C-alpha atoms as a PDB file:
ATOM      1  CA  LYS A   1       0.000   0.000   0.000  1.00  0.00           C
ATOM      2  CA  THR A   2       1.032   3.569  -0.623  1.00  0.00           C
ATOM      3  CA  TRP A   3       0.001   6.781   1.069  1.00  0.00           C
ATOM      4  CA  ALA A   4      -2.399   8.986  -0.882  1.00  0.00           C
ATOM      5  CA  ALA A   5      -1.995  12.702  -0.303  1.00  0.00           C
ATOM      6  CA  ARG A   6      -5.315  14.372   0.452  1.00  0.00           C
ATOM      7  CA  GLY A   7      -4.001  17.905   0.541  1.00  0.00           C
ATOM      8  CA  ILE A   8      -2.210  20.600   2.473  1.00  0.00           C
ATOM      9  CA  GLY A   9      -3.900  22.610   5.176  1.00  0.00           C
ATOM     10  CA  MET A  10      -4.191  23.421   8.834  1.00  0.00           C
ATOM     11  CA  VAL A  11      -5.462  20.743  11.216  1.00  0.00           C
ATOM     12  CA  ARG A  12      -7.854  22.086  13.824  1.00  0.00           C
ATOM     13  CA  ILE A  13      -8.969  20.425  17.034  1.00  0.00           C
ATOM     14  CA  LEU A  14     -12.588  21.346  17.757  1.00  0.00           C
ATOM     15  CA  ARG A  15     -14.257  20.722  21.140  1.00  0.00           C
ATOM     16  CA  HIS A  16     -18.017  20.320  21.515  1.00  0.00           C
ATOM     17  CA  ARG A  17     -19.159  22.587  24.354  1.00  0.00           C
ATOM     18  CA  GLU A  18     -21.857  20.305  25.757  1.00  0.00           C
ATOM     19  CA  ARG A  19     -20.536  16.793  25.126  1.00  0.00           C
ATOM     20  CA  LEU A  20     -16.858  17.778  25.622  1.00  0.00           C
ATOM     21  CA  THR A  21     -15.849  15.549  22.707  1.00  0.00           C
ATOM     22  CA  GLU A  22     -13.093  16.599  20.338  1.00  0.00           C
ATOM     23  CA  ARG A  23     -12.638  16.108  16.638  1.00  0.00           C
ATOM     24  CA  LEU A  24      -9.905  16.734  14.104  1.00  0.00           C
ATOM     25  CA  LEU A  25     -10.956  18.895  11.178  1.00  0.00           C
ATOM     26  CA  MET A  26      -8.824  19.716   8.156  1.00  0.00           C
ATOM     27  CA  ARG A  27      -9.698  21.566   4.964  1.00  0.00           C
ATOM     28  CA  ASP A  28      -7.580  21.803   1.833  1.00  0.00           C
ATOM     29  CA  LYS A  29      -5.636  25.056   1.744  1.00  0.00           C
ATOM     30  CA  LYS A  30      -6.677  25.978  -1.824  1.00  0.00           C
ATOM     31  CA  SER A  31     -10.101  24.443  -2.461  1.00  0.00           C
ATOM     32  CA  LYS A  32     -11.369  24.452   1.162  1.00  0.00           C
ATOM     33  CA  GLU A  33     -12.612  20.891   0.564  1.00  0.00           C
ATOM     34  CA  LEU A  34     -13.097  18.848   3.733  1.00  0.00           C
ATOM     35  CA  ILE A  35     -10.150  16.445   4.011  1.00  0.00           C
ATOM     36  CA  LEU A  36     -10.405  15.117   7.561  1.00  0.00           C
ATOM     37  CA  ASN A  37     -13.362  14.999   9.950  1.00  0.00           C
ATOM     38  CA  ALA A  38     -12.570  12.475  12.664  1.00  0.00           C
ATOM     39  CA  LEU A  39     -13.632  12.076  16.273  1.00  0.00           C
ATOM     40  CA  VAL A  40     -10.735  11.991  18.745  1.00  0.00           C
ATOM     41  CA  ASP A  41     -11.109   8.820  20.772  1.00  0.00           C
ATOM     42  CA  PRO A  42      -8.873   8.006  23.768  1.00  0.00           C
ATOM     43  CA  ARG A  43      -8.466   4.474  22.360  1.00  0.00           C
ATOM     44  CA  ILE A  44      -6.651   5.802  19.265  1.00  0.00           C
ATOM     45  CA  ASP A  45      -3.006   4.778  19.286  1.00  0.00           C
ATOM     46  CA  MET A  46      -1.071   7.642  17.686  1.00  0.00           C
ATOM     47  CA  GLN A  47       2.550   6.852  16.841  1.00  0.00           C
ATOM     48  CA  LEU A  48       5.441   8.995  15.661  1.00  0.00           C
ATOM     49  CA  ASP A  49       6.540   7.903  12.191  1.00  0.00           C
ATOM     50  CA  GLY A  50       9.916   6.161  12.243  1.00  0.00           C
ATOM     51  CA  SER A  51      11.319   8.095   9.272  1.00  0.00           C
ATOM     52  CA  GLY A  52      12.693  11.232  10.884  1.00  0.00           C
ATOM     53  CA  LYS A  53       9.910  11.702  13.486  1.00  0.00           C
ATOM     54  CA  PHE A  54       8.285  14.471  11.439  1.00  0.00           C
ATOM     55  CA  ALA A  55       4.881  12.741  11.237  1.00  0.00           C
ATOM     56  CA  CYS A  56       2.181  11.215  13.430  1.00  0.00           C
ATOM     57  CA  VAL A  57       0.358   8.115  12.175  1.00  0.00           C
ATOM     58  CA  TRP A  58      -2.926   6.667  13.453  1.00  0.00           C
ATOM     59  CA  THR A  59      -6.074   4.801  12.409  1.00  0.00           C
ATOM     60  CA  CYS A  60      -9.552   6.196  13.053  1.00  0.00           C
ATOM     61  CA  PHE A  61     -13.036   6.569  11.616  1.00  0.00           C
ATOM     62  CA  ASP A  62     -13.400   9.454   9.159  1.00  0.00           C
ATOM     63  CA  TYR A  63     -16.606  11.106   7.949  1.00  0.00           C
ATOM     64  CA  SER A  64     -15.173  13.569   5.401  1.00  0.00           C
ATOM     65  CA  GLY A  65     -16.474  11.601   2.414  1.00  0.00           C
ATOM     66  CA  GLY A  66     -20.063  11.574   3.652  1.00  0.00           C
ATOM     67  CA  SER A  67     -19.938   8.050   5.057  1.00  0.00           C
ATOM     68  CA  LEU A  68     -18.190   6.623   8.112  1.00  0.00           C
ATOM     69  CA  GLU A  69     -15.056   4.718   7.032  1.00  0.00           C
ATOM     70  CA  GLU A  70     -11.942   3.557   8.857  1.00  0.00           C
ATOM     71  CA  HIS A  71      -8.718   5.025   7.453  1.00  0.00           C
ATOM     72  CA  ALA A  72      -5.056   5.279   8.375  1.00  0.00           C
ATOM     73  CA  PHE A  73      -3.882   8.886   8.555  1.00  0.00           C
ATOM     74  CA  ALA A  74      -0.529  10.610   8.768  1.00  0.00           C
ATOM     75  CA  ILE A  75       0.123  14.269   9.408  1.00  0.00           C
ATOM     76  CA  LYS A  76       3.533  15.619   8.468  1.00  0.00           C
ATOM     77  CA  PHE A  77       4.897  18.494  10.559  1.00  0.00           C
ATOM     78  CA  ARG A  78       7.613  21.086   9.999  1.00  0.00           C
ATOM     79  CA  SER A  79       9.735  19.855  12.909  1.00  0.00           C
ATOM     80  CA  PRO A  80       9.976  16.819  15.205  1.00  0.00           C
ATOM     81  CA  ASP A  81       9.050  19.084  18.149  1.00  0.00           C
ATOM     82  CA  ASP A  82       5.731  19.981  16.490  1.00  0.00           C
ATOM     83  CA  ALA A  83       4.952  16.291  15.929  1.00  0.00           C
ATOM     84  CA  THR A  84       5.759  15.441  19.553  1.00  0.00           C
ATOM     85  CA  SER A  85       3.594  18.310  20.816  1.00  0.00           C
ATOM     86  CA  PHE A  86       0.662  17.209  18.647  1.00  0.00           C
ATOM     87  CA  LYS A  87       0.942  13.617  19.842  1.00  0.00           C
ATOM     88  CA  ALA A  88       0.827  14.753  23.482  1.00  0.00           C
END
């Protein structure tokens, strides 16, 4: 399997005020298309990628395509410190 790039953009962590749940939301920088819409679950095992530690990799359920599907995701960061901070 190979990784398919979905786009470049800013990942946002949104918190629901009443339910106190969090989700990751990402839109493409140019087209503003929804790329990632995933609920943050404490059972998700997020790992730092072994190739340089610039990325976090995890598997979760994503709803950005209109249906709930399980996908593996990776977010690449500018520095290893940013990746470590995001993982925490």
